[in-house]
N, C-alpha and C. Protein backbone atom coordinates (compact mmCIF):
# COMPACT_ATOMS: atom_id res chain seq x y z
N MET A 1 34.93 -6.28 77.84
CA MET A 1 34.67 -7.32 78.36
C MET A 1 33.91 -8.37 77.25
N PRO A 2 34.03 -9.46 76.67
CA PRO A 2 33.90 -10.08 75.55
C PRO A 2 32.58 -10.35 75.62
N VAL A 3 31.95 -10.24 73.94
CA VAL A 3 30.65 -10.55 74.00
C VAL A 3 30.01 -12.03 73.73
N ASP A 4 29.08 -12.28 74.18
CA ASP A 4 28.16 -13.70 74.29
C ASP A 4 29.10 -14.58 73.36
N GLY A 5 29.25 -15.88 74.03
CA GLY A 5 29.78 -16.93 73.43
C GLY A 5 31.23 -16.89 72.79
N PHE A 6 31.88 -15.73 73.02
CA PHE A 6 33.27 -15.65 72.48
C PHE A 6 34.37 -15.29 73.37
N ALA A 7 34.11 -15.81 74.70
CA ALA A 7 35.19 -15.30 75.43
C ALA A 7 36.33 -16.48 75.42
N ASP A 8 37.65 -15.83 75.52
CA ASP A 8 38.65 -17.04 75.69
C ASP A 8 38.90 -18.00 74.63
N VAL A 9 38.56 -17.67 73.15
CA VAL A 9 38.79 -18.84 72.25
C VAL A 9 40.24 -19.43 72.36
N ASN A 10 41.21 -18.62 72.85
CA ASN A 10 42.47 -19.25 72.81
C ASN A 10 43.17 -19.82 73.86
N GLY A 11 42.17 -19.97 75.02
CA GLY A 11 42.57 -20.55 76.08
C GLY A 11 43.58 -19.75 77.15
N GLY A 12 43.83 -18.57 76.85
CA GLY A 12 44.47 -17.34 77.67
C GLY A 12 46.04 -17.56 77.69
N GLY A 13 46.53 -16.85 78.12
CA GLY A 13 48.22 -16.89 78.30
C GLY A 13 49.06 -16.37 77.26
N SER A 14 48.87 -16.41 75.80
CA SER A 14 49.37 -16.27 74.54
C SER A 14 48.57 -15.42 73.80
N MET A 15 49.39 -14.49 72.93
CA MET A 15 48.63 -13.62 71.92
C MET A 15 48.15 -14.50 70.89
N LEU A 16 46.85 -14.09 70.39
CA LEU A 16 46.46 -14.76 69.26
C LEU A 16 47.09 -14.48 67.82
N THR A 17 47.10 -15.35 66.94
CA THR A 17 47.49 -15.25 65.82
C THR A 17 46.54 -13.90 64.77
N VAL A 18 47.36 -13.48 63.65
CA VAL A 18 46.30 -12.84 63.44
C VAL A 18 45.27 -13.67 62.71
N LYS A 19 45.53 -14.92 62.15
CA LYS A 19 44.41 -15.97 61.55
C LYS A 19 43.52 -15.76 62.47
N ASP A 20 43.95 -16.51 63.78
CA ASP A 20 42.87 -16.76 65.05
C ASP A 20 42.03 -15.66 65.27
N ALA A 21 42.78 -14.29 65.25
CA ALA A 21 41.58 -13.08 65.53
C ALA A 21 40.88 -12.55 64.12
N VAL A 22 41.20 -12.93 63.11
CA VAL A 22 40.26 -12.76 61.94
C VAL A 22 39.05 -13.94 61.83
N GLN A 23 39.38 -15.08 62.61
CA GLN A 23 38.43 -16.27 62.48
C GLN A 23 37.39 -15.76 63.43
N ALA A 24 38.06 -15.38 64.74
CA ALA A 24 37.02 -14.83 65.72
C ALA A 24 35.99 -13.99 65.42
N ALA A 25 36.68 -12.84 64.50
CA ALA A 25 35.80 -11.84 64.08
C ALA A 25 35.01 -12.49 63.30
N GLU A 26 35.18 -13.21 62.15
CA GLU A 26 34.42 -13.64 60.94
C GLU A 26 33.13 -14.61 61.85
N ASP A 27 33.62 -15.84 62.53
CA ASP A 27 32.60 -16.41 63.24
C ASP A 27 31.83 -15.76 64.09
N TRP A 28 31.99 -14.43 64.60
CA TRP A 28 31.19 -13.72 65.57
C TRP A 28 29.90 -13.09 64.59
N VAL A 29 30.60 -12.48 63.28
CA VAL A 29 29.72 -11.62 62.26
C VAL A 29 28.73 -12.52 61.72
N ARG A 30 29.33 -13.66 61.28
CA ARG A 30 28.38 -14.92 60.84
C ARG A 30 27.17 -15.58 61.94
N ASP A 31 27.59 -15.42 63.49
CA ASP A 31 26.61 -15.71 64.30
C ASP A 31 25.69 -14.68 64.23
N LEU A 32 25.84 -13.35 64.12
CA LEU A 32 24.89 -12.28 64.55
C LEU A 32 24.12 -11.63 63.04
N TYR A 33 24.70 -12.07 62.03
CA TYR A 33 23.88 -11.44 60.96
C TYR A 33 23.23 -12.76 60.25
N PRO A 34 22.22 -12.81 59.51
CA PRO A 34 21.44 -13.81 58.81
C PRO A 34 22.39 -14.15 57.68
N LYS A 35 22.62 -15.28 57.39
CA LYS A 35 23.60 -15.85 56.09
C LYS A 35 23.29 -14.85 54.87
N SER A 36 22.09 -14.73 54.60
CA SER A 36 21.53 -14.09 53.28
C SER A 36 22.03 -12.64 53.11
N SER A 37 22.55 -12.06 54.40
CA SER A 37 23.06 -10.55 54.46
C SER A 37 24.22 -10.37 54.28
N LEU A 38 25.02 -11.41 54.53
CA LEU A 38 26.81 -11.67 54.23
C LEU A 38 27.40 -12.01 52.72
N LYS A 39 26.52 -11.49 51.91
CA LYS A 39 27.19 -11.47 50.39
C LYS A 39 28.82 -11.22 50.36
N HIS A 40 29.33 -12.01 49.67
CA HIS A 40 30.78 -11.58 49.37
C HIS A 40 31.53 -11.16 50.45
N LEU A 41 31.43 -11.97 51.93
CA LEU A 41 32.51 -11.35 52.95
C LEU A 41 33.80 -11.33 53.01
N ARG A 42 34.25 -10.69 53.17
CA ARG A 42 35.89 -10.51 53.08
C ARG A 42 36.71 -9.49 54.19
N LEU A 43 37.84 -10.11 54.31
CA LEU A 43 38.88 -9.32 55.25
C LEU A 43 39.12 -8.07 54.53
N GLU A 44 39.12 -6.93 55.27
CA GLU A 44 39.56 -5.84 54.61
C GLU A 44 40.84 -5.04 55.22
N GLU A 45 40.85 -4.93 56.43
CA GLU A 45 41.99 -4.57 57.12
C GLU A 45 41.93 -5.21 58.42
N VAL A 46 43.30 -5.43 58.88
CA VAL A 46 43.87 -6.03 60.17
C VAL A 46 45.02 -4.99 60.64
N GLN A 47 44.74 -4.55 62.07
CA GLN A 47 45.74 -3.78 62.76
C GLN A 47 45.73 -4.26 64.20
N LEU A 48 47.02 -4.56 64.98
CA LEU A 48 47.07 -4.62 66.28
C LEU A 48 47.52 -3.23 66.93
N SER A 49 46.71 -3.44 67.87
CA SER A 49 47.12 -2.19 68.83
C SER A 49 48.45 -1.79 69.12
N ASP A 50 48.51 -0.58 69.51
CA ASP A 50 49.80 -0.26 70.19
C ASP A 50 50.53 -0.92 71.38
N ASP A 51 49.38 -1.08 72.11
CA ASP A 51 49.93 -2.00 73.28
C ASP A 51 49.70 -3.28 73.14
N GLU A 52 49.32 -3.94 71.90
CA GLU A 52 49.37 -5.42 71.46
C GLU A 52 48.31 -6.06 72.29
N LYS A 53 47.01 -5.37 72.91
CA LYS A 53 46.09 -6.07 73.61
C LYS A 53 44.74 -6.35 72.53
N THR A 54 44.69 -5.64 71.56
CA THR A 54 43.42 -5.56 70.89
C THR A 54 43.68 -5.81 69.14
N TRP A 55 42.93 -6.73 68.42
CA TRP A 55 43.36 -6.55 67.14
C TRP A 55 42.04 -6.12 66.62
N HIS A 56 42.20 -5.17 65.70
CA HIS A 56 41.34 -4.35 64.93
C HIS A 56 40.87 -4.92 63.63
N ILE A 57 40.11 -5.64 63.46
CA ILE A 57 39.72 -6.42 62.24
C ILE A 57 38.49 -5.78 61.47
N THR A 58 38.87 -5.17 59.94
CA THR A 58 37.73 -4.75 59.24
C THR A 58 37.41 -6.00 58.07
N LEU A 59 36.13 -6.30 58.50
CA LEU A 59 35.39 -6.96 57.28
C LEU A 59 34.20 -6.03 56.32
N GLY A 60 34.16 -6.61 55.31
CA GLY A 60 33.16 -6.01 54.43
C GLY A 60 32.52 -6.88 53.73
N TRP A 61 31.27 -6.61 53.21
CA TRP A 61 30.28 -7.51 52.26
C TRP A 61 29.45 -6.85 51.88
N ALA A 62 28.86 -6.98 50.46
CA ALA A 62 28.03 -6.65 49.63
C ALA A 62 26.52 -6.39 50.38
N GLU A 63 26.04 -5.36 50.25
CA GLU A 63 24.68 -5.09 50.86
C GLU A 63 23.73 -5.68 50.01
N ALA A 64 22.98 -6.21 50.43
CA ALA A 64 21.76 -6.86 49.52
C ALA A 64 20.50 -5.80 49.43
N ALA A 65 20.60 -4.85 50.27
CA ALA A 65 19.19 -4.22 50.09
C ALA A 65 19.47 -3.14 48.80
N GLY A 66 20.66 -2.78 48.56
CA GLY A 66 21.12 -2.01 47.54
C GLY A 66 21.38 -2.29 46.39
N ARG A 67 20.66 -3.27 45.90
CA ARG A 67 20.95 -4.16 44.91
C ARG A 67 19.86 -3.67 43.67
N SER A 68 19.82 -3.53 42.43
CA SER A 68 19.06 -2.65 41.67
C SER A 68 18.33 -4.03 41.25
N ASN A 69 17.10 -3.84 40.53
CA ASN A 69 16.29 -4.94 39.79
C ASN A 69 17.02 -5.43 38.62
N GLY A 70 16.95 -6.71 38.50
CA GLY A 70 17.87 -6.99 37.55
C GLY A 70 17.33 -7.04 35.96
N LEU A 71 15.96 -6.71 35.88
CA LEU A 71 15.52 -6.22 34.75
C LEU A 71 15.63 -4.89 34.19
N ALA A 72 15.50 -4.04 35.31
CA ALA A 72 15.90 -2.55 35.33
C ALA A 72 17.04 -2.15 34.69
N ALA A 73 17.95 -3.21 35.50
CA ALA A 73 19.67 -2.74 35.41
C ALA A 73 19.84 -3.32 33.58
N ALA A 74 19.13 -4.40 33.08
CA ALA A 74 19.41 -5.08 31.78
C ALA A 74 18.95 -4.22 31.08
N LEU A 75 17.79 -3.55 31.18
CA LEU A 75 17.20 -2.46 30.04
C LEU A 75 18.01 -1.26 29.99
N ASN A 76 18.58 -0.76 31.21
CA ASN A 76 19.54 0.38 31.25
C ASN A 76 20.69 0.43 30.94
N ARG A 77 20.90 -1.16 30.69
CA ARG A 77 22.65 -1.69 30.36
C ARG A 77 23.34 -1.26 31.63
N GLU A 78 22.76 -1.42 32.69
CA GLU A 78 23.77 -0.76 33.83
C GLU A 78 24.29 -2.28 34.53
N VAL A 79 25.59 -2.43 35.00
CA VAL A 79 25.94 -3.09 36.15
C VAL A 79 26.76 -2.36 36.97
N THR A 80 25.98 -2.30 37.92
CA THR A 80 26.39 -1.81 39.29
C THR A 80 26.50 -2.78 40.53
N ALA A 81 28.01 -2.71 40.90
CA ALA A 81 28.21 -3.59 42.13
C ALA A 81 27.26 -3.17 43.42
N PRO A 82 26.64 -3.92 44.32
CA PRO A 82 25.91 -3.53 45.11
C PRO A 82 27.10 -2.67 46.17
N PRO A 83 26.58 -1.63 46.86
CA PRO A 83 27.55 -1.24 47.78
C PRO A 83 27.66 -2.09 48.94
N ARG A 84 28.92 -1.77 49.51
CA ARG A 84 29.73 -2.76 50.59
C ARG A 84 29.56 -1.90 52.01
N VAL A 85 29.26 -3.02 52.68
CA VAL A 85 28.90 -2.74 54.28
C VAL A 85 30.57 -2.97 54.91
N TYR A 86 31.35 -2.04 55.78
CA TYR A 86 32.53 -2.19 56.45
C TYR A 86 32.16 -2.08 57.76
N LYS A 87 32.44 -3.11 58.53
CA LYS A 87 32.82 -3.17 59.96
C LYS A 87 34.01 -3.53 60.60
N THR A 88 34.35 -2.72 61.77
CA THR A 88 35.50 -2.91 62.21
C THR A 88 35.26 -3.30 63.72
N LEU A 89 35.69 -4.50 63.90
CA LEU A 89 35.64 -5.58 65.01
C LEU A 89 36.73 -5.41 66.08
N GLU A 90 36.89 -5.07 67.42
CA GLU A 90 37.91 -5.16 68.26
C GLU A 90 38.06 -6.55 68.70
N VAL A 91 38.95 -7.07 68.49
CA VAL A 91 39.11 -8.59 68.99
C VAL A 91 40.42 -8.75 70.32
N ASP A 92 39.72 -8.97 71.42
CA ASP A 92 40.77 -9.23 72.65
C ASP A 92 41.98 -10.27 71.77
N ALA A 93 43.32 -9.65 71.88
CA ALA A 93 44.56 -10.24 71.33
C ALA A 93 44.96 -11.59 72.09
N GLU A 94 44.45 -11.67 73.63
CA GLU A 94 44.62 -12.95 74.39
C GLU A 94 44.00 -13.62 74.40
N GLY A 95 42.54 -13.59 74.78
CA GLY A 95 41.29 -14.36 74.68
C GLY A 95 40.80 -14.59 73.82
N GLY A 96 40.60 -13.69 72.40
CA GLY A 96 39.95 -13.84 71.27
C GLY A 96 38.50 -13.36 71.63
N GLY A 97 37.99 -12.55 72.67
CA GLY A 97 36.66 -12.27 72.17
C GLY A 97 36.31 -11.17 71.71
N VAL A 98 35.23 -11.17 71.09
CA VAL A 98 35.23 -9.85 70.16
C VAL A 98 34.44 -8.65 71.43
N ARG A 99 35.20 -7.64 71.61
CA ARG A 99 34.58 -6.45 72.27
C ARG A 99 33.88 -5.75 71.94
N SER A 100 33.93 -5.23 70.59
CA SER A 100 32.99 -4.31 69.95
C SER A 100 32.96 -4.46 68.32
N MET A 101 31.90 -3.91 67.68
CA MET A 101 31.84 -3.78 66.37
C MET A 101 31.31 -2.21 66.11
N LYS A 102 32.01 -1.76 65.08
CA LYS A 102 31.96 -0.24 64.55
C LYS A 102 31.60 -0.51 63.42
N ILE A 103 30.81 0.53 62.67
CA ILE A 103 30.75 1.16 61.31
C ILE A 103 32.30 1.55 61.03
N ARG A 104 32.46 1.24 59.66
CA ARG A 104 33.89 1.58 59.17
C ARG A 104 33.25 2.62 57.72
N GLU A 105 33.49 3.96 58.12
CA GLU A 105 33.45 4.76 57.06
C GLU A 105 34.29 4.76 55.90
N VAL A 106 34.09 4.74 54.86
CA VAL A 106 35.08 4.66 53.47
C VAL A 106 34.77 5.56 52.44
N ASP A 107 35.74 6.68 52.30
CA ASP A 107 35.38 7.60 51.35
C ASP A 107 35.46 7.10 49.95
N GLY A 108 34.66 7.63 49.08
CA GLY A 108 34.62 7.22 47.64
C GLY A 108 33.64 6.77 47.35
């Protein structure tokens, strides 16, 4: 069942292109999260399910809460990238609705 406001962005009848599926996922995430928490949002992975009914779109962004104090970093001469958050969204391949969002664990 599609999540609020994103049912049938494709008009039905044909499969979404990968670009349309990614755009639906990005729009949904931008609508859900405050703009300030989506630093450096980017596409990480795309996969079409074996039955071709669902696009699995992984998006990642820098987590603002993990950033170190600029002064402390300068004094310690540390340059540390903020940790990234990864979420995999399931997008209906026909209607374009976002069905779910899950945490994507990344080793490393």
